[in-house]
Amino acid sequence: MVTKDDLMIPRGWLKAFGDDLAKELNKVDRGIEILDSKEKWGELRLVINPYSDATNNIEHKYTEISRHICIGCGKPDVPMMNFGWISPVCENCWPKFSKRPYNECVADSYRCPDFVNVKHYSWKDDVETDRVDLSEEMGRIRKRFRDENKNIADSSGSDVDAFPDEDVGVAAGTDKE
């Protein structure tokens, strides 16, 4: 059985989706093991045993989600930053990672897509593609972050809309719909 403690990933990701990832993997197979978990090139990397199309879909889902979650605090919809190390980092956590100006290091868009297409290759050279929905999980992550940080946003005088809602419509690796 996989638990949040089995994941050796940044604190922000654990906070944003660690429990959800473990629960989804356990729904597939309670005998699943995480052989390796890490952040690399700004995204989640997992090695799961046993491998299946279902675990592959889950892995790809959270890999795409991780590209848009701050590694420091778990804030959703943050840009990918290139500061000699490529990672998604929000403006509040930025000073912990670099002294360079935040805006000079933004390397990628910050909104998570609604879905990602996952290809499965078989030994027969057949290719099947699954469309994996990310919108429900990202909606939960955004809501959880807004709820946990509402007092911070209200007391700072910033607009609560700084925590975006679910209004995306773009698929990872595809043209806009």
C-alpha atoms as a PDB file:
ATOM      1  CA  MET A   1       0.000   0.000   0.000  1.00  0.00           C
ATOM      2  CA  VAL A   2       1.336   3.407  -1.016  1.00  0.00           C
ATOM      3  CA  THR A   3       1.261   6.300   1.472  1.00  0.00           C
ATOM      4  CA  LYS A   4       2.208   9.953   1.195  1.00  0.00           C
ATOM      5  CA  ASP A   5       5.360   9.104   3.181  1.00  0.00           C
ATOM      6  CA  ASP A   6       6.560   6.839   0.328  1.00  0.00           C
ATOM      7  CA  LEU A   7       6.884   9.859  -1.950  1.00  0.00           C
ATOM      8  CA  MET A   8      10.259  11.601  -1.883  1.00  0.00           C
ATOM      9  CA  ILE A   9       9.077  14.749  -3.651  1.00  0.00           C
ATOM     10  CA  PRO A  10       9.101  18.494  -2.877  1.00  0.00           C
ATOM     11  CA  ARG A  11       7.069  19.651   0.117  1.00  0.00           C
ATOM     12  CA  GLY A  12       4.708  21.749  -2.013  1.00  0.00           C
ATOM     13  CA  TRP A  13       3.746  18.756  -4.128  1.00  0.00           C
ATOM     14  CA  LEU A  14       3.197  16.581  -1.069  1.00  0.00           C
ATOM     15  CA  LYS A  15       0.895  19.235   0.343  1.00  0.00           C
ATOM     16  CA  ALA A  16      -0.997  19.777  -2.930  1.00  0.00           C
ATOM     17  CA  PHE A  17      -1.501  16.211  -4.156  1.00  0.00           C
ATOM     18  CA  GLY A  18       0.511  13.638  -2.168  1.00  0.00           C
ATOM     19  CA  ASP A  19      -2.504  12.041  -0.463  1.00  0.00           C
ATOM     20  CA  ASP A  20      -4.569  12.078  -3.663  1.00  0.00           C
ATOM     21  CA  LEU A  21      -1.795  10.390  -5.658  1.00  0.00           C
ATOM     22  CA  ALA A  22      -1.396   7.647  -3.035  1.00  0.00           C
ATOM     23  CA  LYS A  23      -5.176   7.054  -2.902  1.00  0.00           C
ATOM     24  CA  GLU A  24      -5.468   6.779  -6.683  1.00  0.00           C
ATOM     25  CA  LEU A  25      -2.596   4.292  -6.885  1.00  0.00           C
ATOM     26  CA  ASN A  26      -4.081   2.198  -4.067  1.00  0.00           C
ATOM     27  CA  LYS A  27      -7.441   2.072  -5.889  1.00  0.00           C
ATOM     28  CA  VAL A  28      -5.679   0.367  -8.803  1.00  0.00           C
ATOM     29  CA  ASP A  29      -3.754  -2.175  -6.717  1.00  0.00           C
ATOM     30  CA  ARG A  30      -3.077  -2.190  -2.978  1.00  0.00           C
ATOM     31  CA  GLY A  31       0.168  -4.082  -3.664  1.00  0.00           C
ATOM     32  CA  ILE A  32       1.711  -1.219  -5.645  1.00  0.00           C
ATOM     33  CA  GLU A  33       5.183  -0.058  -4.674  1.00  0.00           C
ATOM     34  CA  ILE A  34       6.857   3.252  -5.427  1.00  0.00           C
ATOM     35  CA  LEU A  35      10.400   2.245  -6.359  1.00  0.00           C
ATOM     36  CA  ASP A  36      11.514   5.818  -7.021  1.00  0.00           C
ATOM     37  CA  SER A  37       9.939   9.252  -6.819  1.00  0.00           C
ATOM     38  CA  LYS A  38      11.578  12.604  -7.427  1.00  0.00           C
ATOM     39  CA  GLU A  39      11.463  15.969  -9.128  1.00  0.00           C
ATOM     40  CA  LYS A  40      13.422  16.177 -12.368  1.00  0.00           C
ATOM     41  CA  TRP A  41      13.306  19.001 -14.918  1.00  0.00           C
ATOM     42  CA  GLY A  42      10.471  20.564 -12.933  1.00  0.00           C
ATOM     43  CA  GLU A  43       8.109  17.607 -13.010  1.00  0.00           C
ATOM     44  CA  LEU A  44       7.249  14.524 -10.997  1.00  0.00           C
ATOM     45  CA  ARG A  45       9.045  11.312 -11.920  1.00  0.00           C
ATOM     46  CA  LEU A  46       7.761   7.978 -10.601  1.00  0.00           C
ATOM     47  CA  VAL A  47       8.871   4.384 -10.965  1.00  0.00           C
ATOM     48  CA  ILE A  48       5.903   2.183 -10.071  1.00  0.00           C
ATOM     49  CA  ASN A  49       5.744  -1.586  -9.650  1.00  0.00           C
ATOM     50  CA  PRO A  50       3.716  -3.282 -11.024  1.00  0.00           C
ATOM     51  CA  TYR A  51       3.305  -1.211 -14.164  1.00  0.00           C
ATOM     52  CA  SER A  52      -0.077  -1.114 -15.934  1.00  0.00           C
ATOM     53  CA  ASP A  53      -1.997   1.195 -18.243  1.00  0.00           C
ATOM     54  CA  ALA A  54      -3.943   2.423 -15.201  1.00  0.00           C
ATOM     55  CA  THR A  55      -0.775   3.290 -13.221  1.00  0.00           C
ATOM     56  CA  ASN A  56       0.717   4.868 -16.350  1.00  0.00           C
ATOM     57  CA  ASN A  57      -2.343   7.147 -16.671  1.00  0.00           C
ATOM     58  CA  ILE A  58      -2.058   8.158 -13.016  1.00  0.00           C
ATOM     59  CA  GLU A  59       1.664   8.811 -13.358  1.00  0.00           C
ATOM     60  CA  HIS A  60       1.164  10.998 -16.449  1.00  0.00           C
ATOM     61  CA  LYS A  61      -1.732  12.845 -14.821  1.00  0.00           C
ATOM     62  CA  TYR A  62       0.315  13.860 -11.789  1.00  0.00           C
ATOM     63  CA  THR A  63       3.425  14.534 -13.876  1.00  0.00           C
ATOM     64  CA  GLU A  64       1.483  17.157 -15.827  1.00  0.00           C
ATOM     65  CA  ILE A  65      -0.149  18.554 -12.679  1.00  0.00           C
ATOM     66  CA  SER A  66       3.243  18.796 -10.936  1.00  0.00           C
ATOM     67  CA  ARG A  67       4.544  21.100 -13.688  1.00  0.00           C
ATOM     68  CA  HIS A  68       2.082  23.752 -12.466  1.00  0.00           C
ATOM     69  CA  ILE A  69       2.351  23.397  -8.653  1.00  0.00           C
ATOM     70  CA  CYS A  70       4.907  25.383  -6.617  1.00  0.00           C
ATOM     71  CA  ILE A  71       7.528  23.046  -5.160  1.00  0.00           C
ATOM     72  CA  GLY A  72       7.803  25.262  -2.080  1.00  0.00           C
ATOM     73  CA  CYS A  73       4.228  25.851  -0.912  1.00  0.00           C
ATOM     74  CA  GLY A  74       1.885  23.924  -3.229  1.00  0.00           C
ATOM     75  CA  LYS A  75       0.288  26.966  -4.882  1.00  0.00           C
ATOM     76  CA  PRO A  76      -1.391  25.936  -8.166  1.00  0.00           C
ATOM     77  CA  ASP A  77      -0.924  27.548 -11.571  1.00  0.00           C
ATOM     78  CA  VAL A  78       2.601  28.875 -11.148  1.00  0.00           C
ATOM     79  CA  PRO A  79       5.128  29.310 -13.961  1.00  0.00           C
ATOM     80  CA  MET A  80       8.032  27.028 -14.679  1.00  0.00           C
ATOM     81  CA  MET A  81      11.192  28.878 -13.661  1.00  0.00           C
ATOM     82  CA  ASN A  82      14.669  28.523 -15.154  1.00  0.00           C
ATOM     83  CA  PHE A  83      17.279  29.642 -12.665  1.00  0.00           C
ATOM     84  CA  GLY A  84      19.952  27.072 -13.425  1.00  0.00           C
ATOM     85  CA  TRP A  85      17.444  24.581 -12.087  1.00  0.00           C
ATOM     86  CA  ILE A  86      14.081  24.176 -13.794  1.00  0.00           C
ATOM     87  CA  SER A  87      11.164  24.038 -11.356  1.00  0.00           C
ATOM     88  CA  PRO A  88       7.699  25.503 -10.837  1.00  0.00           C
ATOM     89  CA  VAL A  89       8.012  28.200  -8.162  1.00  0.00           C
ATOM     90  CA  CYS A  90       5.571  30.909  -7.061  1.00  0.00           C
ATOM     91  CA  GLU A  91       6.613  34.500  -6.510  1.00  0.00           C
ATOM     92  CA  ASN A  92       6.303  34.214  -2.701  1.00  0.00           C
ATOM     93  CA  CYS A  93       8.684  31.223  -2.531  1.00  0.00           C
ATOM     94  CA  TRP A  94      11.056  32.607  -5.164  1.00  0.00           C
ATOM     95  CA  PRO A  95      13.512  34.321  -2.729  1.00  0.00           C
ATOM     96  CA  LYS A  96      14.248  30.897  -1.163  1.00  0.00           C
ATOM     97  CA  PHE A  97      15.528  29.653  -4.535  1.00  0.00           C
ATOM     98  CA  SER A  98      17.278  32.561  -6.250  1.00  0.00           C
ATOM     99  CA  LYS A  99      18.348  36.179  -5.894  1.00  0.00           C
ATOM    100  CA  ARG A 100      17.644  36.872  -9.567  1.00  0.00           C
ATOM    101  CA  PRO A 101      14.507  38.877 -10.433  1.00  0.00           C
ATOM    102  CA  TYR A 102      11.450  36.628 -10.649  1.00  0.00           C
ATOM    103  CA  ASN A 103      10.189  37.940 -14.008  1.00  0.00           C
ATOM    104  CA  GLU A 104      13.559  37.315 -15.687  1.00  0.00           C
ATOM    105  CA  CYS A 105      13.373  33.587 -14.942  1.00  0.00           C
ATOM    106  CA  VAL A 106       9.848  32.674 -16.081  1.00  0.00           C
ATOM    107  CA  ALA A 107      10.345  29.897 -18.628  1.00  0.00           C
ATOM    108  CA  ASP A 108       6.889  28.455 -19.323  1.00  0.00           C
ATOM    109  CA  SER A 109       3.159  29.085 -19.093  1.00  0.00           C
ATOM    110  CA  TYR A 110       1.540  28.590 -15.729  1.00  0.00           C
ATOM    111  CA  ARG A 111      -1.974  27.240 -16.296  1.00  0.00           C
ATOM    112  CA  CYS A 112      -2.487  23.504 -16.025  1.00  0.00           C
ATOM    113  CA  PRO A 113      -4.368  21.974 -18.975  1.00  0.00           C
ATOM    114  CA  ASP A 114      -7.746  20.242 -18.587  1.00  0.00           C
ATOM    115  CA  PHE A 115      -6.441  16.944 -19.902  1.00  0.00           C
ATOM    116  CA  VAL A 116      -3.345  15.129 -21.144  1.00  0.00           C
ATOM    117  CA  ASN A 117      -3.125  12.448 -23.831  1.00  0.00           C
ATOM    118  CA  VAL A 118      -1.247   9.325 -22.702  1.00  0.00           C
ATOM    119  CA  LYS A 119       0.015   6.823 -25.275  1.00  0.00           C
ATOM    120  CA  HIS A 120       0.320   3.136 -24.450  1.00  0.00           C
ATOM    121  CA  TYR A 121       2.602   1.006 -26.610  1.00  0.00           C
ATOM    122  CA  SER A 122       2.133  -2.739 -26.787  1.00  0.00           C
ATOM    123  CA  TRP A 123       4.503  -5.475 -27.849  1.00  0.00           C
ATOM    124  CA  LYS A 124       2.507  -5.711 -31.088  1.00  0.00           C
ATOM    125  CA  ASP A 125       3.489  -2.127 -31.968  1.00  0.00           C
ATOM    126  CA  ASP A 126      -0.100  -1.041 -31.389  1.00  0.00           C
ATOM    127  CA  VAL A 127      -0.538   2.413 -29.943  1.00  0.00           C
ATOM    128  CA  GLU A 128      -3.547   3.295 -27.828  1.00  0.00           C
ATOM    129  CA  THR A 129      -4.170   6.769 -26.504  1.00  0.00           C
ATOM    130  CA  ASP A 130      -6.080   7.594 -23.336  1.00  0.00           C
ATOM    131  CA  ARG A 131      -7.352  11.079 -22.622  1.00  0.00           C
ATOM    132  CA  VAL A 132      -6.691  11.632 -18.912  1.00  0.00           C
ATOM    133  CA  ASP A 133      -8.814  14.326 -17.273  1.00  0.00           C
ATOM    134  CA  LEU A 134      -6.899  16.701 -14.980  1.00  0.00           C
ATOM    135  CA  SER A 135      -9.657  19.241 -14.358  1.00  0.00           C
ATOM    136  CA  GLU A 136     -11.267  17.564 -11.351  1.00  0.00           C
ATOM    137  CA  GLU A 137      -7.970  17.076  -9.492  1.00  0.00           C
ATOM    138  CA  MET A 138      -6.741  20.592 -10.319  1.00  0.00           C
ATOM    139  CA  GLY A 139     -10.093  21.971  -9.145  1.00  0.00           C
ATOM    140  CA  ARG A 140      -9.609  20.227  -5.782  1.00  0.00           C
ATOM    141  CA  ILE A 141      -6.002  21.466  -5.523  1.00  0.00           C
ATOM    142  CA  ARG A 142      -7.012  25.060  -6.343  1.00  0.00           C
ATOM    143  CA  LYS A 143      -9.922  24.993  -3.875  1.00  0.00           C
ATOM    144  CA  ARG A 144      -7.811  23.452  -1.115  1.00  0.00           C
ATOM    145  CA  PHE A 145      -5.068  26.050  -1.631  1.00  0.00           C
ATOM    146  CA  ARG A 146      -7.582  28.944  -1.668  1.00  0.00           C
ATOM    147  CA  ASP A 147      -9.277  27.646   1.482  1.00  0.00           C
ATOM    148  CA  GLU A 148      -5.983  27.168   3.334  1.00  0.00           C
ATOM    149  CA  ASN A 149      -4.663  30.581   2.279  1.00  0.00           C
ATOM    150  CA  LYS A 150      -7.809  32.731   2.321  1.00  0.00           C
ATOM    151  CA  ASN A 151      -6.772  34.511   5.510  1.00  0.00           C
ATOM    152  CA  ILE A 152      -3.357  35.288   4.025  1.00  0.00           C
ATOM    153  CA  ALA A 153      -4.856  36.743   0.838  1.00  0.00           C
ATOM    154  CA  ASP A 154      -7.499  38.731   2.732  1.00  0.00           C
ATOM    155  CA  SER A 155      -5.053  40.150   5.285  1.00  0.00           C
ATOM    156  CA  SER A 156      -2.478  41.118   2.644  1.00  0.00           C
ATOM    157  CA  GLY A 157      -5.043  43.217   0.816  1.00  0.00           C
ATOM    158  CA  SER A 158      -4.444  41.288  -2.403  1.00  0.00           C
ATOM    159  CA  ASP A 159      -7.284  40.215  -4.603  1.00  0.00           C
ATOM    160  CA  VAL A 160      -8.581  36.727  -3.819  1.00  0.00           C
ATOM    161  CA  ASP A 161      -8.749  36.193  -7.618  1.00  0.00           C
ATOM    162  CA  ALA A 162      -4.985  35.745  -7.437  1.00  0.00           C
ATOM    163  CA  PHE A 163      -5.962  32.114  -6.796  1.00  0.00           C
ATOM    164  CA  PRO A 164      -7.374  31.186 -10.222  1.00  0.00           C
ATOM    165  CA  ASP A 165     -10.509  29.193 -10.933  1.00  0.00           C
ATOM    166  CA  GLU A 166     -11.081  26.356 -13.373  1.00  0.00           C
ATOM    167  CA  ASP A 167     -11.331  28.182 -16.695  1.00  0.00           C
ATOM    168  CA  VAL A 168      -8.691  26.461 -18.806  1.00  0.00           C
ATOM    169  CA  GLY A 169      -9.423  24.672 -22.054  1.00  0.00           C
ATOM    170  CA  VAL A 170      -6.055  23.546 -23.347  1.00  0.00           C
ATOM    171  CA  ALA A 171      -4.643  20.035 -23.570  1.00  0.00           C
ATOM    172  CA  ALA A 172      -0.999  19.321 -22.867  1.00  0.00           C
ATOM    173  CA  GLY A 173       0.905  18.818 -26.070  1.00  0.00           C
ATOM    174  CA  THR A 174      -2.027  19.692 -28.342  1.00  0.00           C
ATOM    175  CA  ASP A 175      -3.445  22.735 -30.044  1.00  0.00           C
ATOM    176  CA  LYS A 176      -6.051  24.805 -28.262  1.00  0.00           C
ATOM    177  CA  GLU A 177      -9.572  23.455 -28.508  1.00  0.00           C
END
